[in-house]
Amino acid sequence: MAVPGALTLQGDAAEDVAARAGRGGGGGVVAAPAAVAATTFFTQPAPTAQPAPPPTRSSPWPLLLGLLGLLVLVVLGSWWLSRGNAPANQAAAPTAAPTTAAPTTAPTRVAVVVPPTAPAAYPSPSNVPAASVAPTAAAKVAPPAVAGGAPTASVAPTVTRIAGSPTPIPPTRTPRPGATLTAAAAACQPGVGPTFRPVWGDLGLYAATGCPTSAEKAVITAYAPFEKGFIIWRADNRQAYALYDDGTFEVFADSWKDGDPEYSCTDANTPNRTPPTPRRGIGKVWCTQPGVRAKLGNVKADENGNLRAVQDFERGVGFGIGERDPAVFILQNDTRRWSAG
C-alpha cells in the first residue's frame, strides 16, 4: 500500500540504498528483506501542513443567484403585463378623482364649521361700522371734561337754554364719578362746596379759579332768562352777571334802587311789560349797556328771586341755578369764560 507523501524507490536504486545502509550500520543493523527494503518512505512536511478542503462540500451562491434571477423574471413579467392594462386604468382614474379627491371635502368643512363660529365669536368690522357707532358713543358716553385743563369744546355746545319759571326750583345736580382733585386742590381751605365739587373737579378748574375764598352758602339772587343767555343778580354784593351763549360773561354793578322806575328804558322796541323788557336792576343793566342788549336779546320771562348756592373762588365764582340744565356754573375771571355741568 502506498502512503501519501512518500517517495518509492524500486529496482537497482532500492538495492543500492540497502547496500549503503548495511555498510554504514556496523554489525548491529539487520538488513531488511529484499521485498521490504525495496520501498523506503521519505516524509515531506509541506503537503501535510495545509489539508485540502473536502471535495464533497458545494457553494450555495449558484442556487441563490438562480433564485434571484427567477424573482427578477417574475417581477419584470408582472410589470410588462401591467403595462398592457395601463390604458384601462388611466381611463378610470379621471372618473374616480372628482368623487374622492380633497376638493369635495374641503368646501364642506369651510361651509359647515367655519362660517357659523367665526361671525358669532369675532364679528367682522364691516358688520359694525365704526362711523355709525362713534358719534353715538361720543355724544352719550364720553365725559365733557378733561382733568387738569380748561373745558373742552364739547361743553359749551351741549348747554341747553331753558326758559325760566317764576316758580322757584331747587338746585339739582348729578354727581359725576371719578372726580379727581390735585393735591393742591385737596388742600384748599375752605374746601369746594358739595354743589360745585363734582363739576369743578371733573373739569379740572383749580388752575383757572384757584381755591375757594369762602364756604358754599345760600344767597338771595334774581335770575332772568334771555333769548341768548341769562343774567343772575346777587344781593350780597349787588352785582349782575350776564352769561352769554358763546361761553363768555360780563359783570356789572347794580345801580337800580327802590323808588326808581320798574322799567329803565321805554320806546317802541321796549314796551313796559315782561317779556320782552326786563325790569328793576336786571332791566337797568340791559337798558344802559347796549352790548348786553345786543348779545342777550329780549328777556323770555320775568326775573325770579330765590335762595341759590353761591361760592367765591380766588379767581372766579360759582352759581347753582336750578331752573337751568345743566344747573352748575363756574365763572373764571382771568378768561371771562364760564363752564357748566
C-alpha atoms as a PDB file:
ATOM      1  CA  MET A   1       0.000   0.000   0.000  1.00  0.00           C
ATOM      2  CA  ALA A   2       1.377   3.360  -0.973  1.00  0.00           C
ATOM      3  CA  VAL A   3       1.494   6.100   1.647  1.00  0.00           C
ATOM      4  CA  PRO A   4       0.620   9.591   0.507  1.00  0.00           C
ATOM      5  CA  GLY A   5       3.501  11.964   0.686  1.00  0.00           C
ATOM      6  CA  ALA A   6       6.269   9.140   0.497  1.00  0.00           C
ATOM      7  CA  LEU A   7       8.848   8.650  -2.199  1.00  0.00           C
ATOM      8  CA  THR A   8       9.134   4.972  -3.516  1.00  0.00           C
ATOM      9  CA  LEU A   9      12.457   3.559  -4.850  1.00  0.00           C
ATOM     10  CA  GLN A  10      12.389   0.401  -6.860  1.00  0.00           C
ATOM     11  CA  GLY A  11      14.884  -1.844  -8.678  1.00  0.00           C
ATOM     12  CA  ASP A  12      18.621  -1.095  -8.617  1.00  0.00           C
ATOM     13  CA  ALA A  13      18.093   2.114  -6.770  1.00  0.00           C
ATOM     14  CA  ALA A  14      16.449   0.326  -3.874  1.00  0.00           C
ATOM     15  CA  GLU A  15      19.179  -2.243  -3.648  1.00  0.00           C
ATOM     16  CA  ASP A  16      21.879   0.393  -3.774  1.00  0.00           C
ATOM     17  CA  VAL A  17      20.291   2.184  -0.884  1.00  0.00           C
ATOM     18  CA  ALA A  18      20.005  -1.041   1.132  1.00  0.00           C
ATOM     19  CA  ALA A  19      23.643  -1.914   0.495  1.00  0.00           C
ATOM     20  CA  ARG A  20      24.772   1.513   1.643  1.00  0.00           C
ATOM     21  CA  ALA A  21      22.743   1.159   4.743  1.00  0.00           C
ATOM     22  CA  GLY A  22      24.337  -2.244   5.542  1.00  0.00           C
ATOM     23  CA  ARG A  23      27.875  -0.939   5.149  1.00  0.00           C
ATOM     24  CA  GLY A  24      27.391   2.058   7.288  1.00  0.00           C
ATOM     25  CA  GLY A  25      25.358   0.486  10.040  1.00  0.00           C
ATOM     26  CA  GLY A  26      28.020  -1.682  11.699  1.00  0.00           C
ATOM     27  CA  GLY A  27      27.033  -5.122  12.696  1.00  0.00           C
ATOM     28  CA  GLY A  28      24.082  -4.007  14.758  1.00  0.00           C
ATOM     29  CA  VAL A  29      21.611  -3.402  11.947  1.00  0.00           C
ATOM     30  CA  VAL A  30      19.897  -6.305  10.282  1.00  0.00           C
ATOM     31  CA  ALA A  31      19.337  -5.784   6.558  1.00  0.00           C
ATOM     32  CA  ALA A  32      15.727  -5.658   5.548  1.00  0.00           C
ATOM     33  CA  PRO A  33      14.451  -8.360   3.295  1.00  0.00           C
ATOM     34  CA  ALA A  34      14.515  -7.543  -0.369  1.00  0.00           C
ATOM     35  CA  ALA A  35      10.752  -7.336  -0.529  1.00  0.00           C
ATOM     36  CA  VAL A  36      10.633  -4.895   2.362  1.00  0.00           C
ATOM     37  CA  ALA A  37      13.765  -2.956   1.561  1.00  0.00           C
ATOM     38  CA  ALA A  38      12.661  -2.367  -1.941  1.00  0.00           C
ATOM     39  CA  THR A  39      10.355   0.521  -0.607  1.00  0.00           C
ATOM     40  CA  THR A  40      11.662   3.399   1.523  1.00  0.00           C
ATOM     41  CA  PHE A  41       9.480   6.344   2.890  1.00  0.00           C
ATOM     42  CA  PHE A  42      10.624   9.967   2.981  1.00  0.00           C
ATOM     43  CA  THR A  43       8.233  12.395   4.776  1.00  0.00           C
ATOM     44  CA  GLN A  44       7.525  15.780   3.144  1.00  0.00           C
ATOM     45  CA  PRO A  45       6.191  18.182   5.821  1.00  0.00           C
ATOM     46  CA  ALA A  46       4.827  20.892   3.423  1.00  0.00           C
ATOM     47  CA  PRO A  47       1.932  18.941   1.880  1.00  0.00           C
ATOM     48  CA  THR A  48       0.651  17.683   5.226  1.00  0.00           C
ATOM     49  CA  ALA A  49       0.654  21.166   6.813  1.00  0.00           C
ATOM     50  CA  GLN A  50      -2.306  22.514   4.646  1.00  0.00           C
ATOM     51  CA  PRO A  51      -5.012  19.841   4.223  1.00  0.00           C
ATOM     52  CA  ALA A  52      -7.202  20.201   1.155  1.00  0.00           C
ATOM     53  CA  PRO A  53     -10.942  21.161   1.647  1.00  0.00           C
ATOM     54  CA  PRO A  54     -13.417  18.301   1.499  1.00  0.00           C
ATOM     55  CA  PRO A  55     -14.300  17.694  -2.105  1.00  0.00           C
ATOM     56  CA  THR A  56     -17.925  16.901  -1.285  1.00  0.00           C
ATOM     57  CA  ARG A  57     -18.885  20.467   0.023  1.00  0.00           C
ATOM     58  CA  SER A  58     -20.543  22.731  -2.585  1.00  0.00           C
ATOM     59  CA  SER A  59     -21.105  26.625  -2.606  1.00  0.00           C
ATOM     60  CA  PRO A  60     -24.762  27.987  -2.118  1.00  0.00           C
ATOM     61  CA  TRP A  61     -24.225  31.046  -4.340  1.00  0.00           C
ATOM     62  CA  PRO A  62     -25.200  29.428  -7.606  1.00  0.00           C
ATOM     63  CA  LEU A  63     -28.552  28.439  -6.110  1.00  0.00           C
ATOM     64  CA  LEU A  64     -29.151  31.908  -4.643  1.00  0.00           C
ATOM     65  CA  LEU A  65     -28.251  33.575  -7.912  1.00  0.00           C
ATOM     66  CA  GLY A  66     -30.619  31.325  -9.734  1.00  0.00           C
ATOM     67  CA  LEU A  67     -33.485  32.140  -7.350  1.00  0.00           C
ATOM     68  CA  LEU A  68     -32.744  35.873  -7.638  1.00  0.00           C
ATOM     69  CA  GLY A  69     -32.772  35.676 -11.402  1.00  0.00           C
ATOM     70  CA  LEU A  70     -36.111  33.846 -11.295  1.00  0.00           C
ATOM     71  CA  LEU A  71     -37.542  36.544  -8.996  1.00  0.00           C
ATOM     72  CA  VAL A  72     -36.366  39.287 -11.376  1.00  0.00           C
ATOM     73  CA  LEU A  73     -38.038  37.498 -14.255  1.00  0.00           C
ATOM     74  CA  VAL A  74     -41.300  37.268 -12.295  1.00  0.00           C
ATOM     75  CA  VAL A  75     -41.193  40.988 -11.431  1.00  0.00           C
ATOM     76  CA  LEU A  76     -40.395  42.003 -14.997  1.00  0.00           C
ATOM     77  CA  GLY A  77     -43.168  39.816 -16.274  1.00  0.00           C
ATOM     78  CA  SER A  78     -45.686  41.328 -13.875  1.00  0.00           C
ATOM     79  CA  TRP A  79     -44.590  44.846 -14.840  1.00  0.00           C
ATOM     80  CA  TRP A  80     -44.887  44.007 -18.536  1.00  0.00           C
ATOM     81  CA  LEU A  81     -48.351  42.594 -18.028  1.00  0.00           C
ATOM     82  CA  SER A  82     -49.399  45.673 -16.033  1.00  0.00           C
ATOM     83  CA  ARG A  83     -48.325  47.888 -18.922  1.00  0.00           C
ATOM     84  CA  GLY A  84     -50.752  46.126 -21.121  1.00  0.00           C
ATOM     85  CA  ASN A  85     -53.634  47.131 -18.711  1.00  0.00           C
ATOM     86  CA  ALA A  86     -52.427  50.716 -18.254  1.00  0.00           C
ATOM     87  CA  PRO A  87     -54.884  52.386 -20.700  1.00  0.00           C
ATOM     88  CA  ALA A  88     -57.845  50.930 -18.902  1.00  0.00           C
ATOM     89  CA  ASN A  89     -56.557  52.144 -15.507  1.00  0.00           C
ATOM     90  CA  GLN A  90     -55.740  55.557 -16.875  1.00  0.00           C
ATOM     91  CA  ALA A  91     -59.195  55.874 -18.362  1.00  0.00           C
ATOM     92  CA  ALA A  92     -60.780  55.059 -14.999  1.00  0.00           C
ATOM     93  CA  ALA A  93     -58.596  57.477 -12.994  1.00  0.00           C
ATOM     94  CA  PRO A  94     -60.328  60.744 -14.082  1.00  0.00           C
ATOM     95  CA  THR A  95     -63.694  59.288 -13.087  1.00  0.00           C
ATOM     96  CA  ALA A  96     -62.584  58.421  -9.559  1.00  0.00           C
ATOM     97  CA  ALA A  97     -60.705  61.667  -8.897  1.00  0.00           C
ATOM     98  CA  PRO A  98     -63.687  64.095  -8.758  1.00  0.00           C
ATOM     99  CA  THR A  99     -65.658  61.860  -6.382  1.00  0.00           C
ATOM    100  CA  THR A 100     -62.937  61.115  -3.797  1.00  0.00           C
ATOM    101  CA  ALA A 101     -60.493  63.997  -4.104  1.00  0.00           C
ATOM    102  CA  ALA A 102     -59.926  66.629  -1.375  1.00  0.00           C
ATOM    103  CA  PRO A 103     -61.914  69.426  -3.121  1.00  0.00           C
ATOM    104  CA  THR A 104     -65.157  67.563  -2.328  1.00  0.00           C
ATOM    105  CA  THR A 105     -64.480  67.552   1.433  1.00  0.00           C
ATOM    106  CA  ALA A 106     -62.703  70.899   1.769  1.00  0.00           C
ATOM    107  CA  PRO A 107     -65.721  73.085   0.790  1.00  0.00           C
ATOM    108  CA  THR A 108     -67.908  71.064   3.134  1.00  0.00           C
ATOM    109  CA  ARG A 109     -65.654  71.849   6.113  1.00  0.00           C
ATOM    110  CA  VAL A 110     -65.482  75.523   5.309  1.00  0.00           C
ATOM    111  CA  ALA A 111     -69.232  75.881   4.868  1.00  0.00           C
ATOM    112  CA  VAL A 112     -70.331  73.812   7.871  1.00  0.00           C
ATOM    113  CA  VAL A 113     -67.729  74.564  10.541  1.00  0.00           C
ATOM    114  CA  VAL A 114     -66.006  77.869   9.926  1.00  0.00           C
ATOM    115  CA  PRO A 115     -68.782  80.341   8.971  1.00  0.00           C
ATOM    116  CA  PRO A 116     -71.147  79.629  11.908  1.00  0.00           C
ATOM    117  CA  THR A 117     -68.429  80.074  14.548  1.00  0.00           C
ATOM    118  CA  ALA A 118     -66.359  82.945  13.186  1.00  0.00           C
ATOM    119  CA  PRO A 119     -69.116  85.617  12.932  1.00  0.00           C
ATOM    120  CA  ALA A 120     -70.593  84.656  16.312  1.00  0.00           C
ATOM    121  CA  ALA A 121     -67.352  84.932  18.312  1.00  0.00           C
ATOM    122  CA  TYR A 122     -65.469  87.556  16.327  1.00  0.00           C
ATOM    123  CA  PRO A 123     -67.788  89.866  14.348  1.00  0.00           C
ATOM    124  CA  SER A 124     -66.228  91.464  11.322  1.00  0.00           C
ATOM    125  CA  PRO A 125     -65.600  95.222  11.474  1.00  0.00           C
ATOM    126  CA  SER A 126     -67.764  95.570   8.353  1.00  0.00           C
ATOM    127  CA  ASN A 127     -70.805  94.279  10.286  1.00  0.00           C
ATOM    128  CA  VAL A 128     -70.500  97.080  12.860  1.00  0.00           C
ATOM    129  CA  PRO A 129     -69.312 100.206  11.007  1.00  0.00           C
ATOM    130  CA  ALA A 130     -67.185 102.445  13.173  1.00  0.00           C
ATOM    131  CA  ALA A 131     -68.732 105.562  11.641  1.00  0.00           C
ATOM    132  CA  SER A 132     -72.238 104.716  12.899  1.00  0.00           C
ATOM    133  CA  VAL A 133     -71.085 103.923  16.450  1.00  0.00           C
ATOM    134  CA  ALA A 134     -68.536 106.622  17.144  1.00  0.00           C
ATOM    135  CA  PRO A 135     -70.932 109.637  17.034  1.00  0.00           C
ATOM    136  CA  THR A 136     -73.402 107.945  19.371  1.00  0.00           C
ATOM    137  CA  ALA A 137     -70.706 106.968  21.872  1.00  0.00           C
ATOM    138  CA  ALA A 138     -69.164 110.422  21.794  1.00  0.00           C
ATOM    139  CA  ALA A 139     -72.486 112.139  22.377  1.00  0.00           C
ATOM    140  CA  LYS A 140     -73.836 109.868  25.134  1.00  0.00           C
ATOM    141  CA  VAL A 141     -70.873 108.283  26.898  1.00  0.00           C
ATOM    142  CA  ALA A 142     -67.776 110.429  26.636  1.00  0.00           C
ATOM    143  CA  PRO A 143     -67.403 112.845  29.590  1.00  0.00           C
ATOM    144  CA  PRO A 144     -67.346 116.507  28.565  1.00  0.00           C
ATOM    145  CA  ALA A 145     -64.388 117.294  30.798  1.00  0.00           C
ATOM    146  CA  VAL A 146     -60.632 116.937  30.647  1.00  0.00           C
ATOM    147  CA  ALA A 147     -58.922 116.786  34.032  1.00  0.00           C
ATOM    148  CA  GLY A 148     -56.224 119.368  34.624  1.00  0.00           C
ATOM    149  CA  GLY A 149     -57.196 121.848  31.890  1.00  0.00           C
ATOM    150  CA  ALA A 150     -59.792 124.183  30.506  1.00  0.00           C
ATOM    151  CA  PRO A 151     -63.237 122.854  29.490  1.00  0.00           C
ATOM    152  CA  THR A 152     -63.302 121.122  26.171  1.00  0.00           C
ATOM    153  CA  ALA A 153     -65.086 122.496  23.146  1.00  0.00           C
ATOM    154  CA  SER A 154     -67.887 119.968  23.627  1.00  0.00           C
ATOM    155  CA  VAL A 155     -69.013 121.532  26.914  1.00  0.00           C
ATOM    156  CA  ALA A 156     -70.401 124.822  25.601  1.00  0.00           C
ATOM    157  CA  PRO A 157     -72.430 123.360  22.676  1.00  0.00           C
ATOM    158  CA  THR A 158     -74.144 120.876  24.973  1.00  0.00           C
ATOM    159  CA  VAL A 159     -75.591 123.655  27.175  1.00  0.00           C
ATOM    160  CA  THR A 160     -79.319 123.840  26.583  1.00  0.00           C
ATOM    161  CA  ARG A 161     -81.016 127.083  27.463  1.00  0.00           C
ATOM    162  CA  ILE A 162     -84.432 126.615  29.013  1.00  0.00           C
ATOM    163  CA  ALA A 163     -86.820 129.435  29.765  1.00  0.00           C
ATOM    164  CA  GLY A 164     -87.006 130.298  33.437  1.00  0.00           C
ATOM    165  CA  SER A 165     -90.058 129.667  35.533  1.00  0.00           C
ATOM    166  CA  PRO A 166     -91.479 132.044  38.138  1.00  0.00           C
ATOM    167  CA  THR A 167     -91.791 129.053  40.462  1.00  0.00           C
ATOM    168  CA  PRO A 168     -88.566 128.545  42.488  1.00  0.00           C
ATOM    169  CA  ILE A 169     -86.811 125.281  41.569  1.00  0.00           C
ATOM    170  CA  PRO A 170     -84.169 123.941  43.986  1.00  0.00           C
ATOM    171  CA  PRO A 171     -80.729 123.293  42.515  1.00  0.00           C
ATOM    172  CA  THR A 172     -80.328 119.751  41.194  1.00  0.00           C
ATOM    173  CA  ARG A 173     -77.131 118.029  40.207  1.00  0.00           C
ATOM    174  CA  THR A 174     -75.995 114.541  39.328  1.00  0.00           C
ATOM    175  CA  PRO A 175     -72.665 113.664  40.980  1.00  0.00           C
ATOM    176  CA  ARG A 176     -70.093 112.646  38.403  1.00  0.00           C
ATOM    177  CA  PRO A 177     -67.976 109.568  39.142  1.00  0.00           C
ATOM    178  CA  GLY A 178     -64.240 109.796  39.031  1.00  0.00           C
ATOM    179  CA  ALA A 179     -63.858 113.426  40.118  1.00  0.00           C
ATOM    180  CA  THR A 180     -60.152 113.990  40.565  1.00  0.00           C
ATOM    181  CA  LEU A 181     -58.562 116.770  42.623  1.00  0.00           C
ATOM    182  CA  THR A 182     -54.901 117.586  42.651  1.00  0.00           C
ATOM    183  CA  ALA A 183     -53.022 117.609  45.938  1.00  0.00           C
ATOM    184  CA  ALA A 184     -53.075 121.408  45.987  1.00  0.00           C
ATOM    185  CA  ALA A 185     -56.821 121.495  45.325  1.00  0.00           C
ATOM    186  CA  ALA A 186     -57.500 118.936  48.051  1.00  0.00           C
ATOM    187  CA  ALA A 187     -55.588 121.136  50.485  1.00  0.00           C
ATOM    188  CA  CYS A 188     -57.838 124.167  49.829  1.00  0.00           C
ATOM    189  CA  GLN A 189     -59.353 125.660  52.998  1.00  0.00           C
ATOM    190  CA  PRO A 190     -62.229 126.120  52.910  1.00  0.00           C
ATOM    191  CA  GLY A 191     -62.884 123.302  50.515  1.00  0.00           C
ATOM    192  CA  VAL A 192     -65.046 123.296  47.431  1.00  0.00           C
ATOM    193  CA  GLY A 193     -68.724 123.000  48.358  1.00  0.00           C
ATOM    194  CA  PRO A 194     -70.837 119.920  47.534  1.00  0.00           C
ATOM    195  CA  THR A 195     -72.789 121.748  44.781  1.00  0.00           C
ATOM    196  CA  PHE A 196     -69.633 122.672  42.854  1.00  0.00           C
ATOM    197  CA  ARG A 197     -67.134 119.918  43.750  1.00  0.00           C
ATOM    198  CA  PRO A 198     -68.135 117.365  41.045  1.00  0.00           C
ATOM    199  CA  VAL A 199     -68.072 119.894  38.185  1.00  0.00           C
ATOM    200  CA  TRP A 200     -65.042 121.804  39.492  1.00  0.00           C
ATOM    201  CA  GLY A 201     -63.057 118.584  39.944  1.00  0.00           C
ATOM    202  CA  ASP A 202     -64.125 116.896  36.683  1.00  0.00           C
ATOM    203  CA  LEU A 203     -63.316 119.976  34.622  1.00  0.00           C
ATOM    204  CA  GLY A 204     -60.002 120.496  36.384  1.00  0.00           C
ATOM    205  CA  LEU A 205     -60.757 124.134  37.217  1.00  0.00           C
ATOM    206  CA  TYR A 206     -58.269 124.520  40.067  1.00  0.00           C
ATOM    207  CA  ALA A 207     -55.727 126.190  37.780  1.00  0.00           C
ATOM    208  CA  ALA A 208     -58.374 128.550  36.407  1.00  0.00           C
ATOM    209  CA  THR A 209     -60.152 129.585  39.638  1.00  0.00           C
ATOM    210  CA  GLY A 210     -57.763 128.768  42.483  1.00  0.00           C
ATOM    211  CA  CYS A 211     -59.090 127.754  45.881  1.00  0.00           C
ATOM    212  CA  PRO A 212     -62.383 128.952  47.342  1.00  0.00           C
ATOM    213  CA  THR A 213     -62.211 132.113  49.441  1.00  0.00           C
ATOM    214  CA  SER A 214     -65.404 131.290  51.316  1.00  0.00           C
ATOM    215  CA  ALA A 215     -67.545 128.282  52.027  1.00  0.00           C
ATOM    216  CA  GLU A 216     -70.535 127.463  49.852  1.00  0.00           C
ATOM    217  CA  LYS A 217     -73.546 129.479  51.019  1.00  0.00           C
ATOM    218  CA  ALA A 218     -77.167 130.263  50.097  1.00  0.00           C
ATOM    219  CA  VAL A 219     -77.516 133.815  48.769  1.00  0.00           C
ATOM    220  CA  ILE A 220     -80.600 135.792  47.742  1.00  0.00           C
ATOM    221  CA  THR A 221     -80.370 136.035  43.957  1.00  0.00           C
ATOM    222  CA  ALA A 222     -82.535 137.020  40.996  1.00  0.00           C
ATOM    223  CA  TYR A 223     -82.411 135.080  37.740  1.00  0.00           C
ATOM    224  CA  ALA A 224     -83.800 136.174  34.351  1.00  0.00           C
ATOM    225  CA  PRO A 225     -83.518 134.098  31.125  1.00  0.00           C
ATOM    226  CA  PHE A 226     -82.940 135.818  27.768  1.00  0.00           C
ATOM    227  CA  GLU A 227     -83.022 134.671  24.168  1.00  0.00           C
ATOM    228  CA  LYS A 228     -79.234 134.162  24.030  1.00  0.00           C
ATOM    229  CA  GLY A 229     -78.171 133.746  27.645  1.00  0.00           C
ATOM    230  CA  PHE A 230     -79.211 134.873  31.121  1.00  0.00           C
ATOM    231  CA  ILE A 231     -78.464 137.366  33.907  1.00  0.00           C
ATOM    232  CA  ILE A 232     -78.110 136.423  37.579  1.00  0.00           C
ATOM    233  CA  TRP A 233     -78.066 139.117  40.261  1.00  0.00           C
ATOM    234  CA  ARG A 234     -76.800 138.561  43.800  1.00  0.00           C
ATOM    235  CA  ALA A 235     -77.958 140.651  46.739  1.00  0.00           C
ATOM    236  CA  ASP A 236     -74.868 140.307  48.962  1.00  0.00           C
ATOM    237  CA  ASN A 237     -72.570 142.308  46.626  1.00  0.00           C
ATOM    238  CA  ARG A 238     -75.208 143.912  44.344  1.00  0.00           C
ATOM    239  CA  GLN A 239     -73.597 142.734  41.130  1.00  0.00           C
ATOM    240  CA  ALA A 240     -75.241 141.404  37.971  1.00  0.00           C
ATOM    241  CA  TYR A 241     -73.530 138.651  35.921  1.00  0.00           C
ATOM    242  CA  ALA A 242     -74.513 138.447  32.255  1.00  0.00           C
ATOM    243  CA  LEU A 243     -73.709 134.986  30.798  1.00  0.00           C
ATOM    244  CA  TYR A 244     -73.865 134.683  27.006  1.00  0.00           C
ATOM    245  CA  ASP A 245     -74.434 131.562  24.956  1.00  0.00           C
ATOM    246  CA  ASP A 246     -70.967 131.918  23.376  1.00  0.00           C
ATOM    247  CA  GLY A 247     -69.387 130.886  26.724  1.00  0.00           C
ATOM    248  CA  THR A 248     -68.316 134.377  27.864  1.00  0.00           C
ATOM    249  CA  PHE A 249     -69.653 136.597  30.657  1.00  0.00           C
ATOM    250  CA  GLU A 250     -69.548 140.188  31.955  1.00  0.00           C
ATOM    251  CA  VAL A 251     -70.090 141.660  35.434  1.00  0.00           C
ATOM    252  CA  PHE A 252     -71.904 144.944  36.139  1.00  0.00           C
ATOM    253  CA  ALA A 253     -72.624 146.901  39.299  1.00  0.00           C
ATOM    254  CA  ASP A 254     -76.315 147.251  40.126  1.00  0.00           C
ATOM    255  CA  SER A 255     -77.274 150.922  40.219  1.00  0.00           C
ATOM    256  CA  TRP A 256     -81.025 150.446  40.499  1.00  0.00           C
ATOM    257  CA  LYS A 257     -82.599 151.348  43.870  1.00  0.00           C
ATOM    258  CA  ASP A 258     -86.045 151.341  45.373  1.00  0.00           C
ATOM    259  CA  GLY A 259     -88.159 154.182  44.007  1.00  0.00           C
ATOM    260  CA  ASP A 260     -86.635 154.034  40.537  1.00  0.00           C
ATOM    261  CA  PRO A 261     -88.959 153.149  37.622  1.00  0.00           C
ATOM    262  CA  GLU A 262     -89.580 149.440  37.140  1.00  0.00           C
ATOM    263  CA  TYR A 263     -88.589 149.796  33.501  1.00  0.00           C
ATOM    264  CA  SER A 264     -85.483 151.817  32.872  1.00  0.00           C
ATOM    265  CA  CYS A 265     -85.958 152.255  29.118  1.00  0.00           C
ATOM    266  CA  THR A 266     -89.213 152.680  27.225  1.00  0.00           C
ATOM    267  CA  ASP A 267     -89.545 153.154  23.487  1.00  0.00           C
ATOM    268  CA  ALA A 268     -91.218 151.451  20.536  1.00  0.00           C
ATOM    269  CA  ASN A 269     -88.965 148.406  20.902  1.00  0.00           C
ATOM    270  CA  THR A 270     -89.130 148.178  24.719  1.00  0.00           C
ATOM    271  CA  PRO A 271     -92.689 148.309  25.989  1.00  0.00           C
ATOM    272  CA  ASN A 272     -93.409 148.373  29.719  1.00  0.00           C
ATOM    273  CA  ARG A 273     -94.082 144.682  30.007  1.00  0.00           C
ATOM    274  CA  THR A 274     -92.116 141.489  30.569  1.00  0.00           C
ATOM    275  CA  PRO A 275     -91.335 139.928  28.206  1.00  0.00           C
ATOM    276  CA  PRO A 276     -89.822 141.432  26.103  1.00  0.00           C
ATOM    277  CA  THR A 277     -88.418 144.080  28.505  1.00  0.00           C
ATOM    278  CA  PRO A 278     -86.624 143.137  31.772  1.00  0.00           C
ATOM    279  CA  ARG A 279     -87.344 145.231  34.820  1.00  0.00           C
ATOM    280  CA  ARG A 280     -85.762 146.563  38.024  1.00  0.00           C
ATOM    281  CA  GLY A 281     -81.975 146.065  38.453  1.00  0.00           C
ATOM    282  CA  ILE A 282     -81.548 143.471  35.690  1.00  0.00           C
ATOM    283  CA  GLY A 283     -83.614 145.687  33.374  1.00  0.00           C
ATOM    284  CA  LYS A 284     -81.410 148.692  34.101  1.00  0.00           C
ATOM    285  CA  VAL A 285     -78.254 146.783  33.137  1.00  0.00           C
ATOM    286  CA  TRP A 286     -79.951 145.636  29.939  1.00  0.00           C
ATOM    287  CA  CYS A 287     -81.147 149.173  29.094  1.00  0.00           C
ATOM    288  CA  THR A 288     -77.921 151.044  29.903  1.00  0.00           C
ATOM    289  CA  GLN A 289     -75.477 148.561  28.336  1.00  0.00           C
ATOM    290  CA  PRO A 290     -76.019 148.412  24.536  1.00  0.00           C
ATOM    291  CA  GLY A 291     -73.599 145.479  24.180  1.00  0.00           C
ATOM    292  CA  VAL A 292     -75.512 143.395  26.731  1.00  0.00           C
ATOM    293  CA  ARG A 293     -78.812 144.073  24.995  1.00  0.00           C
ATOM    294  CA  ALA A 294     -77.388 143.074  21.593  1.00  0.00           C
ATOM    295  CA  LYS A 295     -75.766 139.865  22.844  1.00  0.00           C
ATOM    296  CA  LEU A 296     -78.662 138.653  25.043  1.00  0.00           C
ATOM    297  CA  GLY A 297     -81.739 139.672  23.030  1.00  0.00           C
ATOM    298  CA  ASN A 298     -85.101 140.108  24.696  1.00  0.00           C
ATOM    299  CA  VAL A 299     -85.983 138.668  28.079  1.00  0.00           C
ATOM    300  CA  LYS A 300     -88.054 135.451  27.972  1.00  0.00           C
ATOM    301  CA  ALA A 301     -89.580 135.581  31.466  1.00  0.00           C
ATOM    302  CA  ASP A 302     -89.691 137.861  34.475  1.00  0.00           C
ATOM    303  CA  GLU A 303     -86.852 137.658  36.962  1.00  0.00           C
ATOM    304  CA  ASN A 304     -87.174 135.048  39.669  1.00  0.00           C
ATOM    305  CA  GLY A 305     -85.832 135.754  43.144  1.00  0.00           C
ATOM    306  CA  ASN A 306     -84.677 132.798  45.240  1.00  0.00           C
ATOM    307  CA  LEU A 307     -82.018 131.468  47.589  1.00  0.00           C
ATOM    308  CA  ARG A 308     -79.331 129.821  45.446  1.00  0.00           C
ATOM    309  CA  ALA A 309     -75.956 128.180  46.106  1.00  0.00           C
ATOM    310  CA  VAL A 310     -73.026 130.558  45.640  1.00  0.00           C
ATOM    311  CA  GLN A 311     -69.295 130.109  46.308  1.00  0.00           C
ATOM    312  CA  ASP A 312     -66.483 132.596  45.653  1.00  0.00           C
ATOM    313  CA  PHE A 313     -63.043 131.496  44.464  1.00  0.00           C
ATOM    314  CA  GLU A 314     -59.713 133.300  44.256  1.00  0.00           C
ATOM    315  CA  ARG A 315     -60.296 133.980  40.576  1.00  0.00           C
ATOM    316  CA  GLY A 316     -63.944 133.218  39.978  1.00  0.00           C
ATOM    317  CA  VAL A 317     -67.362 132.435  41.360  1.00  0.00           C
ATOM    318  CA  GLY A 318     -69.828 129.550  41.213  1.00  0.00           C
ATOM    319  CA  PHE A 319     -73.634 129.646  40.934  1.00  0.00           C
ATOM    320  CA  GLY A 320     -76.198 126.880  41.342  1.00  0.00           C
ATOM    321  CA  ILE A 321     -79.245 127.684  39.197  1.00  0.00           C
ATOM    322  CA  GLY A 322     -81.893 125.004  39.473  1.00  0.00           C
ATOM    323  CA  GLU A 323     -84.014 126.490  36.678  1.00  0.00           C
ATOM    324  CA  ARG A 324     -81.383 125.600  34.099  1.00  0.00           C
ATOM    325  CA  ASP A 325     -79.899 122.362  32.802  1.00  0.00           C
ATOM    326  CA  PRO A 326     -77.040 121.990  33.469  1.00  0.00           C
ATOM    327  CA  ALA A 327     -77.546 123.741  36.777  1.00  0.00           C
ATOM    328  CA  VAL A 328     -73.975 124.484  37.971  1.00  0.00           C
ATOM    329  CA  PHE A 329     -71.976 127.382  36.504  1.00  0.00           C
ATOM    330  CA  ILE A 330     -68.400 128.298  37.416  1.00  0.00           C
ATOM    331  CA  LEU A 331     -67.056 131.614  36.135  1.00  0.00           C
ATOM    332  CA  GLN A 332     -63.315 132.166  35.583  1.00  0.00           C
ATOM    333  CA  ASN A 333     -62.303 135.804  35.947  1.00  0.00           C
ATOM    334  CA  ASP A 334     -58.972 135.611  34.072  1.00  0.00           C
ATOM    335  CA  THR A 335     -60.509 134.371  30.817  1.00  0.00           C
ATOM    336  CA  ARG A 336     -64.002 135.832  31.281  1.00  0.00           C
ATOM    337  CA  ARG A 337     -65.442 132.455  30.364  1.00  0.00           C
ATOM    338  CA  TRP A 338     -67.836 130.141  32.186  1.00  0.00           C
ATOM    339  CA  SER A 339     -68.097 126.350  32.483  1.00  0.00           C
ATOM    340  CA  ALA A 340     -71.225 124.367  33.275  1.00  0.00           C
ATOM    341  CA  GLY A 341     -72.002 120.880  34.415  1.00  0.00           C
END
